């Protein structure tokens, strides 16, 4: 039975808290009942009060399970099994061997309910913690009504057993703490998630220490009664851990920060780059909506605006040295995100190149690589891009346009690319000019802002008169939705196929990690890291266009497996198509 799921439509926060409390009460009561039933063979005839206690535990567990069926979605079969076992244990308690097996089944169900969605080591430590806690509860219930001298003789003594159970709880809690990723940083004591982990780990230590004072057979049951409160609180904390949001990673100076923010009822990702003292960009996905602002406490709050050639909105923020709180607001609603700019100044990033630089860094963050930002894609022309541009210019020279219209910028990459294009065109006898004209091909090697401006101007020119009849071409790094979608069709030389599995996987990852953001070449390179060489193949020219591959009439059914709309995951060009239009350029 899935007691982890709290419906999104549960309404107010109070309703969600009530559902969590219902789940915790159910699991705790069931653990007491299961543990008591498992240890029933250790005692002789049960006093009436003990029988009534077991009956009450069974009734409460069954009732809470039934109520949970009305409060949230549960597995019907697991619900029925839970209720049947909870009601059967008080009846079967007269037969120690039989009730033990029913209780073991109920304990297994508690383990599954507590560890739903977990596997491997996580499932193993869930099993250890729940089983040890249930046995501790079982001894506690039995010892309240049955004196120690009336317990049946067994091969183990209750005193050493308490130390064993306490030790298992401590080990399981420690494994949970260290596997959480929090380690011993300040999130352990500054966040509710971290405090819950401390409760899970520390309280069993207290229970085990108490048990160490009562090792004699005469006083052994007192260890369980004194430690039951600590174990119960630890068990509740363990069960509640799945419902507590994990804290964000601590910011690392110089490493762009990817975090989540909640403003009002909306939750969305936020990118802060480069997270160094001075000017930084705060990026929001388009899905976060408009009218967002960002700034630091006591500083200027700037509105997030659209940047040419980039998706979403961007706010410029001056970060002070060291740790500070980034304020994100929409109207009167606001939230804060902790940032840490450190003490050292970061790289000099031109304002026009900053969005591309941040988007490239985002690819590494999506792959969970938190590396300091020391350079940007516009700082140098990569060897693979040099080769792509050379092959593209040679391809265009073979088509014999009257001239090549070149758009460049003053970035190191743009300057190097423009020089390379001119030298290659000169060898091929192809004139290069900077003004638009008929019977020419347009080639853009600038950054995102310049590329977007050049393409929008080309689109306007083509609407007024014949211009660039030999096509519009972009440098590889300009494969970005806002740029290619500013015209009806454009072409770009690529060394990978955006339709292949690896490229589509990154597109989906970027979409999921950043609110529907489209992929970029710089982000793709950083996402792959050292594996980039595996997809960095021969050069082909791809054309991007705002068209449907299979346009359909409204309401018209389409063949199974054929996508008839443009709004699907894994696209490199939003609302468009990208396909190869040349063979491999050699």
Protein backbone atom coordinates (compact mmCIF):
# COMPACT_ATOMS: atom_id res chain seq x y z
CA UNK A 1 0.00 0.00 0.00
CA UNK A 2 1.49 3.31 -1.11
CA UNK A 3 1.36 5.69 1.82
CA UNK A 4 4.09 7.88 0.34
CA UNK A 5 1.89 9.54 -2.23
CA UNK A 6 0.22 12.77 -1.21
CA UNK A 7 -2.14 13.88 -3.99
CA UNK A 8 -1.26 17.15 -5.65
CA UNK A 9 -4.91 18.07 -5.48
CA UNK A 10 -5.07 17.67 -1.75
CA UNK A 11 -5.84 21.35 -1.43
CA UNK A 12 -4.39 23.37 1.43
CA UNK A 13 -1.10 22.64 3.19
CA UNK A 14 -3.13 21.62 6.24
CA UNK A 15 -4.67 18.76 4.30
CA UNK A 16 -1.23 17.58 3.19
CA UNK A 17 0.03 17.65 6.78
CA UNK A 18 -3.02 15.67 7.90
CA UNK A 19 -2.29 12.99 5.30
CA UNK A 20 1.33 12.76 6.42
CA UNK A 21 0.27 12.43 10.07
CA UNK A 22 -2.21 9.72 9.03
CA UNK A 23 0.56 7.78 7.31
CA UNK A 24 2.95 8.14 10.25
CA UNK A 25 0.30 7.02 12.74
CA UNK A 26 -0.53 4.02 10.57
CA UNK A 27 3.08 2.90 10.21
CA UNK A 28 3.93 3.40 13.89
CA UNK A 29 0.85 1.53 15.15
CA UNK A 30 1.43 -1.28 12.67
CA UNK A 31 5.09 -1.59 13.71
CA UNK A 32 4.05 -1.97 17.38
CA UNK A 33 1.48 -4.60 16.40
CA UNK A 34 3.84 -6.57 14.14
CA UNK A 35 6.70 -6.55 16.65
CA UNK A 36 4.43 -7.74 19.44
CA UNK A 37 3.10 -10.59 17.33
CA UNK A 38 6.56 -11.71 16.21
CA UNK A 39 7.77 -12.00 19.84
CA UNK A 40 4.55 -13.54 21.17
CA UNK A 41 6.14 -17.06 21.44
CA UNK A 42 8.59 -15.70 24.05
CA UNK A 43 5.90 -15.33 26.72
CA UNK A 44 3.39 -17.78 28.14
CA UNK A 45 -0.25 -17.06 28.84
CA UNK A 46 -1.19 -13.47 28.06
CA UNK A 47 -2.80 -11.26 30.69
CA UNK A 48 -6.20 -9.86 29.71
CA UNK A 49 -4.86 -6.31 29.55
CA UNK A 50 -2.16 -7.39 27.11
CA UNK A 51 -4.73 -9.11 24.91
CA UNK A 52 -6.82 -5.94 24.93
CA UNK A 53 -3.76 -3.87 24.04
CA UNK A 54 -3.01 -6.10 21.05
CA UNK A 55 -6.65 -5.93 19.98
CA UNK A 56 -6.58 -2.13 20.23
CA UNK A 57 -3.39 -1.95 18.14
CA UNK A 58 -4.95 -4.20 15.51
CA UNK A 59 -8.14 -2.17 15.39
CA UNK A 60 -6.31 1.16 15.14
CA UNK A 61 -4.02 -0.15 12.40
CA UNK A 62 -6.93 -1.52 10.36
CA UNK A 63 -8.96 1.66 10.84
CA UNK A 64 -6.13 3.96 9.79
CA UNK A 65 -5.47 1.78 6.75
CA UNK A 66 -9.14 1.98 5.75
CA UNK A 67 -9.19 5.77 6.24
CA UNK A 68 -6.08 6.13 4.07
CA UNK A 69 -7.99 4.51 1.20
CA UNK A 70 -10.36 7.48 1.19
CA UNK A 71 -7.63 10.08 1.72
CA UNK A 72 -5.16 9.10 -1.01
CA UNK A 73 -4.53 6.59 -3.77
CA UNK A 74 -3.55 3.16 -2.44
CA UNK A 75 -3.02 -0.29 -3.84
CA UNK A 76 -6.32 -2.11 -3.25
CA UNK A 77 -4.74 -5.56 -2.79
CA UNK A 78 -2.15 -4.27 -0.31
CA UNK A 79 -4.91 -2.42 1.55
CA UNK A 80 -7.00 -5.57 1.92
CA UNK A 81 -3.99 -7.63 3.03
CA UNK A 82 -3.05 -4.98 5.59
CA UNK A 83 -6.54 -4.84 7.09
CA UNK A 84 -6.91 -8.63 7.18
CA UNK A 85 -3.55 -9.13 8.91
CA UNK A 86 -4.15 -6.29 11.39
CA UNK A 87 -7.49 -7.79 12.41
CA UNK A 88 -6.23 -11.39 12.36
CA UNK A 89 -3.30 -10.92 14.75
CA UNK A 90 -5.48 -10.19 17.84
CA UNK A 91 -7.50 -13.31 17.02
CA UNK A 92 -4.47 -15.54 16.38
CA UNK A 93 -2.58 -14.32 19.46
CA UNK A 94 -3.74 -17.46 21.33
CA UNK A 95 -1.58 -19.56 19.01
CA UNK A 96 2.02 -18.23 19.31
CA UNK A 97 3.48 -19.98 16.26
CA UNK A 98 0.62 -19.00 13.96
CA UNK A 99 0.49 -15.38 15.03
CA UNK A 100 4.25 -15.07 14.55
CA UNK A 101 3.96 -15.82 10.83
CA UNK A 102 1.06 -13.42 10.39
CA UNK A 103 3.06 -10.74 12.19
CA UNK A 104 6.11 -11.37 10.01
CA UNK A 105 3.91 -10.83 6.95
CA UNK A 106 2.60 -7.57 8.43
CA UNK A 107 6.16 -6.44 9.26
CA UNK A 108 7.19 -7.14 5.67
CA UNK A 109 4.27 -5.00 4.52
CA UNK A 110 5.46 -2.17 6.80
CA UNK A 111 8.90 -2.41 5.22
CA UNK A 112 7.40 -2.14 1.74
CA UNK A 113 5.19 0.77 2.78
CA UNK A 114 8.15 2.60 4.31
CA UNK A 115 10.62 1.98 1.48
CA UNK A 116 8.35 2.31 -1.56
CA UNK A 117 10.32 3.44 -4.61
CA UNK A 118 13.69 2.58 -3.05
CA UNK A 119 16.02 -0.26 -3.98
CA UNK A 120 19.47 -1.65 -3.34
CA UNK A 121 21.23 -0.27 -0.27
CA UNK A 122 18.33 2.07 0.53
CA UNK A 123 15.86 -0.83 0.66
CA UNK A 124 18.27 -2.87 2.78
CA UNK A 125 18.70 -0.16 5.41
CA UNK A 126 14.95 0.44 5.40
CA UNK A 127 14.45 -3.24 6.19
CA UNK A 128 17.02 -3.18 8.99
CA UNK A 129 15.66 -0.03 10.61
CA UNK A 130 11.99 -1.04 10.44
CA UNK A 131 12.62 -4.61 11.59
CA UNK A 132 14.82 -3.57 14.52
CA UNK A 133 12.35 -0.87 15.60
CA UNK A 134 9.40 -3.27 15.35
CA UNK A 135 11.16 -5.85 17.56
CA UNK A 136 12.03 -3.14 20.07
CA UNK A 137 8.37 -2.09 20.17
CA UNK A 138 7.31 -5.73 20.55
CA UNK A 139 9.45 -6.28 23.64
CA UNK A 140 8.22 -2.97 25.07
CA UNK A 141 4.53 -3.90 24.74
CA UNK A 142 5.03 -7.40 26.13
CA UNK A 143 7.22 -6.24 29.03
CA UNK A 144 4.63 -3.71 30.21
CA UNK A 145 2.21 -6.51 31.14
CA UNK A 146 4.45 -9.57 31.51
CA UNK A 147 7.16 -9.54 34.24
CA UNK A 148 10.64 -10.59 33.13
CA UNK A 149 10.57 -13.76 35.25
CA UNK A 150 7.53 -15.04 33.33
CA UNK A 151 9.28 -14.88 29.92
CA UNK A 152 10.10 -18.25 28.45
CA UNK A 153 13.72 -19.36 28.42
CA UNK A 154 15.31 -18.89 24.98
CA UNK A 155 18.74 -19.17 23.41
CA UNK A 156 19.20 -15.40 23.68
CA UNK A 157 18.72 -12.95 26.49
CA UNK A 158 16.74 -9.75 26.24
CA UNK A 159 19.58 -7.60 27.57
CA UNK A 160 22.09 -8.37 24.80
CA UNK A 161 19.21 -8.33 22.30
CA UNK A 162 18.53 -4.68 23.17
CA UNK A 163 22.13 -3.78 22.39
CA UNK A 164 21.92 -5.70 19.11
CA UNK A 165 18.72 -3.97 18.04
CA UNK A 166 20.02 -0.58 19.13
CA UNK A 167 23.25 -1.17 17.24
CA UNK A 168 21.34 -2.07 14.08
CA UNK A 169 19.29 1.12 14.39
CA UNK A 170 22.44 3.20 14.86
CA UNK A 171 24.19 1.60 11.86
CA UNK A 172 21.14 2.01 9.61
CA UNK A 173 20.77 5.64 10.69
CA UNK A 174 24.45 6.35 10.09
CA UNK A 175 24.27 4.80 6.60
CA UNK A 176 21.21 6.92 5.84
CA UNK A 177 23.02 10.05 7.02
CA UNK A 178 26.17 9.43 4.99
CA UNK A 179 24.28 8.31 1.87
CA UNK A 180 22.10 11.43 1.95
CA UNK A 181 24.89 13.56 0.51
CA UNK A 182 24.70 16.04 3.38
CA UNK A 183 27.77 14.67 5.14
CA UNK A 184 28.62 16.97 8.04
CA UNK A 185 27.96 20.30 6.32
CA UNK A 186 25.69 22.93 7.81
CA UNK A 187 22.59 21.57 6.10
CA UNK A 188 22.57 18.84 8.77
CA UNK A 189 21.55 21.37 11.43
CA UNK A 190 20.13 24.20 9.29
CA UNK A 191 17.47 22.26 7.35
CA UNK A 192 14.48 20.21 8.46
CA UNK A 193 15.73 17.32 6.33
CA UNK A 194 19.11 17.37 8.07
CA UNK A 195 17.60 17.63 11.55
CA UNK A 196 15.38 14.65 10.74
CA UNK A 197 18.48 12.66 9.76
CA UNK A 198 20.10 13.60 13.07
CA UNK A 199 17.01 12.42 14.95
CA UNK A 200 17.11 9.12 13.06
CA UNK A 201 20.78 8.64 13.92
CA UNK A 202 21.14 10.09 17.41
CA UNK A 203 18.02 8.83 19.22
CA UNK A 204 18.86 5.12 18.66
CA UNK A 205 22.26 5.92 20.18
CA UNK A 206 20.44 7.18 23.27
CA UNK A 207 18.27 4.07 23.38
CA UNK A 208 21.32 1.82 23.03
CA UNK A 209 23.17 3.70 25.77
CA UNK A 210 20.18 3.31 28.11
CA UNK A 211 20.04 -0.40 27.31
CA UNK A 212 23.66 -0.72 28.37
CA UNK A 213 22.68 0.03 31.98
CA UNK A 214 20.18 -2.87 32.12
CA UNK A 215 22.01 -5.97 30.95
CA UNK A 216 20.95 -8.33 33.74
CA UNK A 217 18.09 -10.69 33.00
CA UNK A 218 16.13 -9.24 35.90
CA UNK A 219 16.19 -5.68 34.61
CA UNK A 220 16.54 -6.31 30.86
CA UNK A 221 12.96 -5.40 29.92
CA UNK A 222 13.37 -1.96 31.53
CA UNK A 223 15.86 -1.06 28.77
CA UNK A 224 13.13 -1.40 26.16
CA UNK A 225 10.58 0.63 28.10
CA UNK A 226 13.01 3.49 28.76
CA UNK A 227 14.30 3.47 25.17
CA UNK A 228 10.92 3.01 23.46
CA UNK A 229 10.26 6.74 23.24
CA UNK A 230 13.59 7.44 21.50
CA UNK A 231 13.12 4.53 19.09
CA UNK A 232 9.51 5.57 18.36
CA UNK A 233 10.53 9.15 17.54
CA UNK A 234 13.37 7.85 15.37
CA UNK A 235 10.98 5.48 13.57
CA UNK A 236 8.51 8.31 12.91
CA UNK A 237 11.35 10.48 11.59
CA UNK A 238 12.52 7.63 9.36
CA UNK A 239 9.00 7.15 7.96
CA UNK A 240 8.55 10.91 7.41
CA UNK A 241 11.86 11.37 5.59
CA UNK A 242 10.31 10.58 2.20
CA UNK A 243 7.85 13.47 2.59
CA UNK A 244 10.51 16.05 3.49
CA UNK A 245 12.07 17.97 0.56
CA UNK A 246 15.80 17.39 0.23
CA UNK A 247 17.83 20.56 0.70
CA UNK A 248 19.61 22.02 -2.30
CA UNK A 249 23.32 21.53 -2.77
CA UNK A 250 25.42 24.11 -0.99
CA UNK A 251 26.63 26.81 -3.37
CA UNK A 252 30.30 26.59 -4.37
CA UNK A 253 32.02 29.90 -5.22
CA UNK A 254 32.77 30.15 -8.92
CA UNK A 255 30.49 27.25 -9.82
CA UNK A 256 27.23 28.35 -11.48
CA UNK A 257 24.32 27.51 -9.20
CA UNK A 258 21.27 25.52 -10.29
CA UNK A 259 18.57 25.74 -7.64
CA UNK A 260 14.80 25.64 -7.23
CA UNK A 261 12.67 28.59 -6.17
CA UNK A 262 9.03 28.84 -5.12
CA UNK A 263 7.22 32.12 -5.61
CA UNK A 264 3.60 31.92 -4.62
CA UNK A 265 2.22 28.59 -5.75
CA UNK A 266 4.75 28.18 -8.59
CA UNK A 267 8.02 26.28 -8.33
CA UNK A 268 10.68 26.67 -11.01
CA UNK A 269 14.46 26.26 -11.53
CA UNK A 270 16.92 29.15 -11.30
CA UNK A 271 20.43 29.43 -12.76
CA UNK A 272 22.97 31.85 -11.25
CA UNK A 273 26.15 32.36 -13.28
CA UNK A 274 29.09 32.63 -12.74
CA UNK A 275 28.44 33.06 -8.99
CA UNK A 276 31.41 35.34 -8.41
CA UNK A 277 31.61 38.80 -6.81
CA UNK A 278 30.25 41.46 -9.14
CA UNK A 279 27.93 41.14 -12.10
CA UNK A 280 26.02 37.87 -12.40
CA UNK A 281 23.11 36.68 -14.51
CA UNK A 282 20.07 35.04 -12.94
CA UNK A 283 18.23 32.95 -15.53
CA UNK A 284 14.62 31.78 -15.38
CA UNK A 285 12.96 29.42 -17.89
CA UNK A 286 10.11 30.75 -20.02
CA UNK A 287 7.78 28.42 -18.10
CA UNK A 288 8.43 30.44 -14.93
CA UNK A 289 6.38 33.26 -16.41
CA UNK A 290 6.92 36.99 -16.65
CA UNK A 291 7.35 39.80 -14.12
CA UNK A 292 10.12 38.08 -12.15
CA UNK A 293 12.82 40.14 -10.47
CA UNK A 294 16.05 39.27 -8.68
CA UNK A 295 18.54 40.99 -6.42
CA UNK A 296 20.36 40.72 -3.11
CA UNK A 297 19.21 41.94 0.29
CA UNK A 298 19.99 45.64 0.56
CA UNK A 299 20.88 45.93 -3.14
CA UNK A 300 19.07 46.74 -6.35
CA UNK A 301 16.29 44.42 -7.48
CA UNK A 302 16.40 44.09 -11.27
CA UNK A 303 13.62 42.81 -13.51
CA UNK A 304 14.30 39.68 -15.54
CA UNK A 305 14.11 40.48 -19.25
CA UNK A 306 14.42 38.63 -22.53
CA UNK A 307 17.93 38.55 -24.02
CA UNK A 308 18.44 38.41 -27.82
CA UNK A 309 19.06 34.85 -28.99
CA UNK A 310 18.42 33.25 -25.58
CA UNK A 311 15.39 31.51 -24.13
CA UNK A 312 13.62 32.52 -20.94
CA UNK A 313 14.38 35.69 -19.01
CA UNK A 314 17.56 37.04 -17.44
CA UNK A 315 18.16 39.40 -14.53
CA UNK A 316 21.45 41.14 -13.87
CA UNK A 317 22.52 41.01 -10.21
CA UNK A 318 25.61 42.31 -8.41
CA UNK A 319 26.69 39.75 -5.81
CA UNK A 320 28.80 40.77 -2.82
CA UNK A 321 31.74 38.71 -1.66
CA UNK A 322 30.96 35.64 0.40
CA UNK A 323 27.56 34.25 1.24
CA UNK A 324 24.35 36.19 0.68
CA UNK A 325 20.67 35.67 -0.02
CA UNK A 326 19.39 36.10 -3.55
CA UNK A 327 15.86 37.52 -3.49
CA UNK A 328 13.50 36.38 -6.24
CA UNK A 329 10.15 38.12 -6.40
CA UNK A 330 7.01 38.54 -8.43
CA UNK A 331 4.95 41.45 -7.20
CA UNK A 332 4.54 41.19 -3.44
CA UNK A 333 5.53 37.51 -3.37
CA UNK A 334 9.18 36.67 -2.83
CA UNK A 335 11.58 33.91 -1.86
CA UNK A 336 15.31 33.64 -1.21
CA UNK A 337 18.09 31.36 -2.44
CA UNK A 338 21.46 31.13 -0.73
CA UNK A 339 24.41 32.03 -2.94
CA UNK A 340 28.14 32.10 -2.22
CA UNK A 341 30.27 34.27 -4.51
CA UNK A 342 33.49 33.62 -2.60
CA UNK A 343 36.31 36.15 -2.44
CA UNK A 344 38.00 35.83 -5.85
CA UNK A 345 36.93 37.64 -8.97
CA UNK A 346 35.69 35.49 -11.83
CA UNK A 347 36.50 35.65 -15.55
CA UNK A 348 35.62 38.72 -17.56
CA UNK A 349 32.43 37.91 -19.47
CA UNK A 350 31.07 40.27 -22.09
CA UNK A 351 27.43 41.15 -21.54
CA UNK A 352 26.41 39.85 -24.96
CA UNK A 353 28.17 36.52 -24.39
CA UNK A 354 26.95 35.88 -20.83
CA UNK A 355 23.71 33.99 -21.70
CA UNK A 356 25.54 31.51 -23.95
CA UNK A 357 28.21 31.07 -21.28
CA UNK A 358 25.59 30.37 -18.61
CA UNK A 359 23.67 27.95 -20.84
CA UNK A 360 26.86 26.03 -21.57
CA UNK A 361 27.56 25.74 -17.85
CA UNK A 362 24.01 24.48 -17.32
CA UNK A 363 24.84 21.37 -19.34
CA UNK A 364 27.53 20.37 -16.85
CA UNK A 365 25.21 21.04 -13.90
CA UNK A 366 22.53 18.83 -15.46
CA UNK A 367 25.14 16.04 -15.61
CA UNK A 368 25.87 16.72 -11.90
CA UNK A 369 29.35 18.08 -12.64
CA UNK A 370 29.93 21.14 -10.50
CA UNK A 371 32.97 22.78 -12.04
CA UNK A 372 34.16 26.35 -11.60
CA UNK A 373 33.44 28.61 -14.55
CA UNK A 374 36.82 29.76 -15.85
CA UNK A 375 36.04 30.41 -19.52
CA UNK A 376 33.18 30.78 -21.98
CA UNK A 377 32.54 29.29 -25.44
CA UNK A 378 33.18 32.69 -27.06
CA UNK A 379 36.72 32.87 -25.64
CA UNK A 380 38.22 30.74 -28.41
CA UNK A 381 37.36 29.04 -31.69
CA UNK A 382 37.52 25.28 -31.13
CA UNK A 383 39.37 23.11 -33.61
CA UNK A 384 36.25 21.12 -34.46
CA UNK A 385 34.33 24.33 -35.22
CA UNK A 386 37.23 25.55 -37.39
CA UNK A 387 36.95 22.39 -39.46
CA UNK A 388 33.18 22.75 -39.72
CA UNK A 389 33.43 26.34 -40.97
CA UNK A 390 36.12 25.46 -43.52
CA UNK A 391 33.97 22.67 -44.96
CA UNK A 392 30.90 24.91 -44.99
CA UNK A 393 32.68 27.70 -46.88
CA UNK A 394 34.07 25.21 -49.41
CA UNK A 395 30.55 23.79 -49.83
CA UNK A 396 29.14 27.29 -50.46
CA UNK A 397 31.93 28.13 -52.89
CA UNK A 398 30.91 25.09 -54.92
CA UNK A 399 27.39 26.51 -55.25
CA UNK A 400 28.91 29.70 -56.76
CA UNK A 401 26.94 32.53 -55.16
CA UNK A 402 27.93 36.04 -56.20
CA UNK A 403 29.35 36.66 -52.71
CA UNK A 404 29.30 35.52 -49.13
CA UNK A 405 27.74 37.99 -46.70
CA UNK A 406 29.56 37.59 -43.38
CA UNK A 407 28.28 38.65 -39.95
CA UNK A 408 30.88 38.65 -37.17
CA UNK A 409 31.50 40.19 -33.76
CA UNK A 410 34.49 41.29 -31.69
CA UNK A 411 34.69 38.24 -29.42
CA UNK A 412 37.87 36.12 -29.69
CA UNK A 413 35.85 33.34 -31.29
CA UNK A 414 34.06 35.70 -33.68
CA UNK A 415 37.29 37.37 -34.78
CA UNK A 416 39.04 34.04 -35.36
CA UNK A 417 36.03 32.60 -37.19
CA UNK A 418 35.72 35.64 -39.48
CA UNK A 419 39.43 35.51 -40.32
CA UNK A 420 39.16 31.78 -41.09
CA UNK A 421 36.10 32.31 -43.31
CA UNK A 422 37.80 35.06 -45.30
CA UNK A 423 40.97 33.03 -45.80
CA UNK A 424 39.03 29.93 -46.90
CA UNK A 425 36.79 31.95 -49.20
CA UNK A 426 39.81 33.67 -50.76
CA UNK A 427 41.37 30.31 -51.59
CA UNK A 428 38.11 29.22 -53.19
CA UNK A 429 37.67 32.46 -55.13
CA UNK A 430 34.50 33.44 -53.26
CA UNK A 431 34.10 37.17 -52.51
CA UNK A 432 33.19 38.10 -48.92
CA UNK A 433 31.18 41.19 -48.07
CA UNK A 434 29.40 42.63 -45.05
CA UNK A 435 26.33 44.06 -46.80
CA UNK A 436 23.28 42.00 -47.77
CA UNK A 437 22.60 41.54 -51.44
CA UNK A 438 20.94 39.34 -54.07
CA UNK A 439 22.46 36.05 -55.15
CA UNK A 440 24.46 35.79 -51.94
CA UNK A 441 24.63 33.40 -49.01
CA UNK A 442 24.53 34.73 -45.47
CA UNK A 443 26.97 33.24 -42.96
CA UNK A 444 26.79 34.30 -39.29
CA UNK A 445 29.75 33.59 -36.98
CA UNK A 446 28.93 36.05 -34.20
CA UNK A 447 27.54 35.24 -30.75
CA UNK A 448 23.92 34.68 -29.83
CA UNK A 449 22.89 38.33 -29.66
CA UNK A 450 24.52 39.19 -33.00
CA UNK A 451 23.21 36.01 -34.58
CA UNK A 452 19.64 36.76 -33.53
CA UNK A 453 19.87 40.32 -34.83
CA UNK A 454 21.37 39.19 -38.14
CA UNK A 455 18.69 36.55 -38.72
CA UNK A 456 15.78 38.83 -37.86
CA UNK A 457 17.18 41.46 -40.26
CA UNK A 458 17.63 38.81 -42.95
CA UNK A 459 14.02 37.69 -42.47
CA UNK A 460 12.82 41.26 -42.86
CA UNK A 461 14.99 41.84 -45.93
CA UNK A 462 13.70 38.68 -47.59
CA UNK A 463 10.13 39.84 -47.09
CA UNK A 464 10.87 43.12 -48.89
CA UNK A 465 12.95 41.89 -51.83
CA UNK A 466 15.01 38.88 -52.98
CA UNK A 467 17.97 38.57 -50.61
CA UNK A 468 20.41 35.76 -49.84
CA UNK A 469 18.92 33.40 -52.44
CA UNK A 470 21.72 30.95 -51.65
CA UNK A 471 20.51 30.51 -48.09
CA UNK A 472 21.07 31.52 -44.49
CA UNK A 473 23.87 29.71 -42.66
CA UNK A 474 24.86 29.72 -39.01
CA UNK A 475 28.02 28.73 -37.16
CA UNK A 476 27.52 25.52 -35.12
CA UNK A 477 27.26 27.34 -31.77
CA UNK A 478 24.23 29.29 -33.05
CA UNK A 479 22.04 26.17 -33.09
CA UNK A 480 19.59 27.66 -30.60
CA UNK A 481 15.82 27.90 -30.76
CA UNK A 482 15.28 31.67 -30.70
CA UNK A 483 17.94 32.19 -33.38
CA UNK A 484 16.91 29.55 -35.90
CA UNK A 485 13.21 30.23 -35.33
CA UNK A 486 13.65 33.91 -36.21
CA UNK A 487 13.59 32.85 -39.89
CA UNK A 488 11.55 30.31 -41.82
CA UNK A 489 14.59 28.16 -42.56
CA UNK A 490 18.32 28.21 -41.89
CA UNK A 491 21.23 25.78 -42.14
CA UNK A 492 24.09 24.86 -39.81
CA UNK A 493 27.12 22.53 -40.16
CA UNK A 494 27.07 19.92 -37.39
CA UNK A 495 29.22 16.98 -36.36
CA UNK A 496 26.31 15.16 -34.69
CA UNK A 497 22.74 14.37 -35.60
CA UNK A 498 20.25 16.11 -33.27
CA UNK A 499 17.80 13.28 -33.95
CA UNK A 500 20.07 10.54 -32.61
CA UNK A 501 19.60 8.99 -29.17
CA UNK A 502 22.38 10.78 -27.28
CA UNK A 503 21.35 14.20 -28.59
CA UNK A 504 17.69 13.52 -27.87
CA UNK A 505 18.60 12.32 -24.36
CA UNK A 506 20.30 15.63 -23.64
CA UNK A 507 17.35 17.55 -25.05
CA UNK A 508 15.03 15.66 -22.70
CA UNK A 509 17.41 16.15 -19.76
CA UNK A 510 17.62 19.90 -20.39
CA UNK A 511 13.86 20.09 -20.75
CA UNK A 512 13.28 18.27 -17.47
CA UNK A 513 15.99 20.02 -15.48
CA UNK A 514 15.22 23.57 -16.51
CA UNK A 515 11.53 24.05 -17.01
CA UNK A 516 11.27 23.11 -20.68
CA UNK A 517 14.48 24.85 -21.82
CA UNK A 518 15.74 23.83 -25.27
CA UNK A 519 19.24 22.33 -25.64
CA UNK A 520 22.29 24.25 -26.82
CA UNK A 521 25.54 23.07 -28.36
CA UNK A 522 27.68 24.40 -25.49
CA UNK A 523 25.42 22.70 -22.96
CA UNK A 524 25.55 19.45 -24.95
CA UNK A 525 29.35 19.49 -24.95
CA UNK A 526 29.55 20.09 -21.20
CA UNK A 527 26.84 17.52 -20.50
CA UNK A 528 28.82 14.83 -22.33
CA UNK A 529 32.20 15.93 -20.94
CA UNK A 530 34.87 13.46 -22.03
CA UNK A 531 32.31 11.46 -24.02
CA UNK A 532 31.88 14.30 -26.51
CA UNK A 533 34.40 12.68 -28.85
CA UNK A 534 32.06 9.71 -29.27
CA UNK A 535 29.46 11.87 -31.06
CA UNK A 536 31.86 14.38 -32.64
CA UNK A 537 31.89 12.89 -36.13
CA UNK A 538 32.01 14.11 -39.73
CA UNK A 539 30.42 17.37 -40.81
CA UNK A 540 26.97 17.49 -42.39
CA UNK A 541 24.74 20.45 -43.11
CA UNK A 542 21.42 20.37 -41.31
CA UNK A 543 18.45 22.58 -42.09
CA UNK A 544 16.13 23.83 -39.36
CA UNK A 545 12.65 24.94 -40.30
CA UNK A 546 9.41 25.83 -38.58
CA UNK A 547 7.37 23.11 -40.27
CA UNK A 548 5.50 19.96 -39.34
CA UNK A 549 6.93 16.79 -40.79
CA UNK A 550 3.39 15.39 -41.09
CA UNK A 551 0.76 18.15 -41.03
CA UNK A 552 -2.69 16.82 -40.15
CA UNK A 553 -6.13 18.29 -40.28
CA UNK A 554 -7.66 19.14 -36.87
CA UNK A 555 -9.03 15.99 -35.28
CA UNK A 556 -7.64 13.75 -38.02
CA UNK A 557 -6.29 10.45 -36.60
CA UNK A 558 -2.72 9.60 -37.45
CA UNK A 559 -0.98 6.21 -37.76
CA UNK A 560 0.27 4.59 -34.56
CA UNK A 561 3.75 5.79 -33.65
CA UNK A 562 3.66 8.81 -35.98
CA UNK A 563 3.84 12.13 -34.15
CA UNK A 564 1.56 14.66 -35.79
CA UNK A 565 2.31 17.61 -33.52
CA UNK A 566 5.45 19.62 -32.74
CA UNK A 567 5.14 19.81 -28.97
CA UNK A 568 7.05 16.70 -27.89
CA UNK A 569 10.13 16.04 -25.75
CA UNK A 570 13.60 15.69 -27.24
CA UNK A 571 13.42 18.47 -29.82
CA UNK A 572 16.44 20.64 -30.44
CA UNK A 573 14.35 23.24 -32.24
CA UNK A 574 11.11 24.15 -30.44
CA UNK A 575 8.09 24.01 -32.76
CA UNK A 576 10.33 23.04 -35.65
CA UNK A 577 12.22 20.33 -37.47
CA UNK A 578 15.93 19.79 -38.16
CA UNK A 579 17.09 17.36 -40.86
CA UNK A 580 20.32 16.76 -42.85
CA UNK A 581 20.32 18.39 -46.28
CA UNK A 582 23.78 17.33 -47.44
CA UNK A 583 25.95 14.27 -47.44
CA UNK A 584 29.08 14.19 -45.31
CA UNK A 585 31.36 17.09 -46.28
CA UNK A 586 34.84 15.80 -47.04
